[in-house]
Amino acid sequence: MCLGIPAKVVQIDKPNLGKVDYLGTRVKTNFELLDNLKVGDWVIVHAGFAISKLDEEEARETFSILREMAEKEALANKNKEREKQSNKQKG
């Protein structure tokens, strides 16, 4: 499964090439599939290609959802570990 994470366009070198920023990491990206991109725009990148454009509000909402999912996953893992330890003590 692939997960599209918002990235901010930080550099456009050639008409279809540049870099995006993923939470502090800059990645080379092909912008060929999207028109009228400019520095500061938010995009979803898959396999090195910007595949869709979104506004800053959508990007923030997506980050919020991803953060919530990560927190739930961490809590589930913590509960599994506690259950495992409890079973060892019983066994």
C-alpha atoms as a PDB file:
ATOM      1  CA  MET A   1       0.000   0.000   0.000  1.00  0.00           C
ATOM      2  CA  CYS A   2       1.255   3.462  -0.853  1.00  0.00           C
ATOM      3  CA  LEU A   3       0.450   6.479   1.212  1.00  0.00           C
ATOM      4  CA  GLY A   4       0.441   9.957  -0.300  1.00  0.00           C
ATOM      5  CA  ILE A   5       1.997  12.484   2.046  1.00  0.00           C
ATOM      6  CA  PRO A   6       1.766  16.195   1.317  1.00  0.00           C
ATOM      7  CA  ALA A   7       4.971  17.925   0.285  1.00  0.00           C
ATOM      8  CA  LYS A   8       5.659  21.601  -0.312  1.00  0.00           C
ATOM      9  CA  VAL A   9       7.262  22.707  -3.581  1.00  0.00           C
ATOM     10  CA  VAL A  10      10.491  24.479  -2.605  1.00  0.00           C
ATOM     11  CA  GLN A  11      12.392  24.639  -5.878  1.00  0.00           C
ATOM     12  CA  ILE A  12      11.625  24.553  -9.591  1.00  0.00           C
ATOM     13  CA  ASP A  13      14.768  24.096 -11.693  1.00  0.00           C
ATOM     14  CA  LYS A  14      13.367  23.290 -15.109  1.00  0.00           C
ATOM     15  CA  PRO A  15       9.785  23.378 -16.359  1.00  0.00           C
ATOM     16  CA  ASN A  16       9.064  19.876 -15.054  1.00  0.00           C
ATOM     17  CA  LEU A  17      11.723  19.260 -12.407  1.00  0.00           C
ATOM     18  CA  GLY A  18      12.434  20.548  -8.930  1.00  0.00           C
ATOM     19  CA  LYS A  19      12.350  19.681  -5.242  1.00  0.00           C
ATOM     20  CA  VAL A  20       9.696  19.272  -2.588  1.00  0.00           C
ATOM     21  CA  ASP A  21      10.039  19.358   1.185  1.00  0.00           C
ATOM     22  CA  TYR A  22       8.727  16.426   3.238  1.00  0.00           C
ATOM     23  CA  LEU A  23       8.868  17.712   6.817  1.00  0.00           C
ATOM     24  CA  GLY A  24      12.445  18.933   6.404  1.00  0.00           C
ATOM     25  CA  THR A  25      13.681  16.427   3.834  1.00  0.00           C
ATOM     26  CA  ARG A  26      14.105  17.746   0.289  1.00  0.00           C
ATOM     27  CA  VAL A  27      13.399  15.308  -2.521  1.00  0.00           C
ATOM     28  CA  LYS A  28      13.883  15.632  -6.287  1.00  0.00           C
ATOM     29  CA  THR A  29      10.478  15.545  -7.969  1.00  0.00           C
ATOM     30  CA  ASN A  30       9.093  15.482 -11.489  1.00  0.00           C
ATOM     31  CA  PHE A  31       6.245  17.998 -11.964  1.00  0.00           C
ATOM     32  CA  GLU A  32       5.346  16.883 -15.499  1.00  0.00           C
ATOM     33  CA  LEU A  33       1.841  15.695 -14.555  1.00  0.00           C
ATOM     34  CA  LEU A  34       0.713  19.035 -13.083  1.00  0.00           C
ATOM     35  CA  ASP A  35       0.293  22.458 -14.641  1.00  0.00           C
ATOM     36  CA  ASN A  36       1.072  25.897 -13.248  1.00  0.00           C
ATOM     37  CA  LEU A  37       3.002  24.823 -10.160  1.00  0.00           C
ATOM     38  CA  LYS A  38       4.944  27.428  -8.255  1.00  0.00           C
ATOM     39  CA  VAL A  39       7.187  27.465  -5.201  1.00  0.00           C
ATOM     40  CA  GLY A  40       5.003  27.254  -2.109  1.00  0.00           C
ATOM     41  CA  ASP A  41       2.350  24.981  -3.644  1.00  0.00           C
ATOM     42  CA  TRP A  42       1.463  21.711  -1.891  1.00  0.00           C
ATOM     43  CA  VAL A  43       1.471  18.427  -3.817  1.00  0.00           C
ATOM     44  CA  ILE A  44       1.158  14.676  -3.323  1.00  0.00           C
ATOM     45  CA  VAL A  45       4.186  12.799  -4.690  1.00  0.00           C
ATOM     46  CA  HIS A  46       4.219   9.150  -5.758  1.00  0.00           C
ATOM     47  CA  ALA A  47       7.272   7.377  -7.197  1.00  0.00           C
ATOM     48  CA  GLY A  48       9.036  10.695  -7.742  1.00  0.00           C
ATOM     49  CA  PHE A  49       6.138  12.369  -9.588  1.00  0.00           C
ATOM     50  CA  ALA A  50       3.867  15.081  -8.200  1.00  0.00           C
ATOM     51  CA  ILE A  51       0.463  13.533  -8.959  1.00  0.00           C
ATOM     52  CA  SER A  52      -1.963  16.024  -7.434  1.00  0.00           C
ATOM     53  CA  LYS A  53      -2.063  19.533  -6.059  1.00  0.00           C
ATOM     54  CA  LEU A  54      -3.749  20.479  -2.785  1.00  0.00           C
ATOM     55  CA  ASP A  55      -4.137  23.615  -0.734  1.00  0.00           C
ATOM     56  CA  GLU A  56      -2.401  24.270   2.574  1.00  0.00           C
ATOM     57  CA  GLU A  57      -5.548  23.505   4.590  1.00  0.00           C
ATOM     58  CA  GLU A  58      -5.820  20.051   2.980  1.00  0.00           C
ATOM     59  CA  ALA A  59      -2.133  19.450   3.708  1.00  0.00           C
ATOM     60  CA  ARG A  60      -2.552  20.382   7.388  1.00  0.00           C
ATOM     61  CA  GLU A  61      -5.651  18.187   7.668  1.00  0.00           C
ATOM     62  CA  THR A  62      -3.776  15.261   6.130  1.00  0.00           C
ATOM     63  CA  PHE A  63      -0.854  15.730   8.551  1.00  0.00           C
ATOM     64  CA  SER A  64      -3.319  15.794  11.447  1.00  0.00           C
ATOM     65  CA  ILE A  65      -4.933  12.531  10.315  1.00  0.00           C
ATOM     66  CA  LEU A  66      -1.534  10.866   9.809  1.00  0.00           C
ATOM     67  CA  ARG A  67      -0.404  11.992  13.271  1.00  0.00           C
ATOM     68  CA  GLU A  68      -3.591  10.577  14.799  1.00  0.00           C
ATOM     69  CA  MET A  69      -3.084   7.260  12.986  1.00  0.00           C
ATOM     70  CA  ALA A  70       0.522   7.042  14.219  1.00  0.00           C
ATOM     71  CA  GLU A  71      -0.553   7.736  17.806  1.00  0.00           C
ATOM     72  CA  LYS A  72      -3.223   5.021  17.648  1.00  0.00           C
ATOM     73  CA  GLU A  73      -0.726   2.554  16.185  1.00  0.00           C
ATOM     74  CA  ALA A  74       1.788   3.340  18.935  1.00  0.00           C
ATOM     75  CA  LEU A  75      -0.873   2.835  21.616  1.00  0.00           C
ATOM     76  CA  ALA A  76      -1.971  -0.480  20.064  1.00  0.00           C
ATOM     77  CA  ASN A  77       1.643  -1.687  19.995  1.00  0.00           C
ATOM     78  CA  LYS A  78       2.130  -0.645  23.611  1.00  0.00           C
ATOM     79  CA  ASN A  79      -1.013  -2.567  24.642  1.00  0.00           C
ATOM     80  CA  LYS A  80       0.158  -5.669  22.746  1.00  0.00           C
ATOM     81  CA  GLU A  81       3.516  -5.527  24.516  1.00  0.00           C
ATOM     82  CA  ARG A  82       1.826  -5.233  27.930  1.00  0.00           C
ATOM     83  CA  GLU A  83      -0.398  -8.205  27.120  1.00  0.00           C
ATOM     84  CA  LYS A  84       2.626 -10.215  26.004  1.00  0.00           C
ATOM     85  CA  GLN A  85       4.469  -9.416  29.253  1.00  0.00           C
ATOM     86  CA  SER A  86       1.379 -10.287  31.296  1.00  0.00           C
ATOM     87  CA  ASN A  87       1.053 -13.645  29.540  1.00  0.00           C
ATOM     88  CA  LYS A  88       4.743 -14.422  30.211  1.00  0.00           C
ATOM     89  CA  GLN A  89       4.253 -13.774  33.918  1.00  0.00           C
ATOM     90  CA  LYS A  90       1.206 -16.056  34.024  1.00  0.00           C
ATOM     91  CA  GLY A  91       2.778 -18.829  31.962  1.00  0.00           C
END
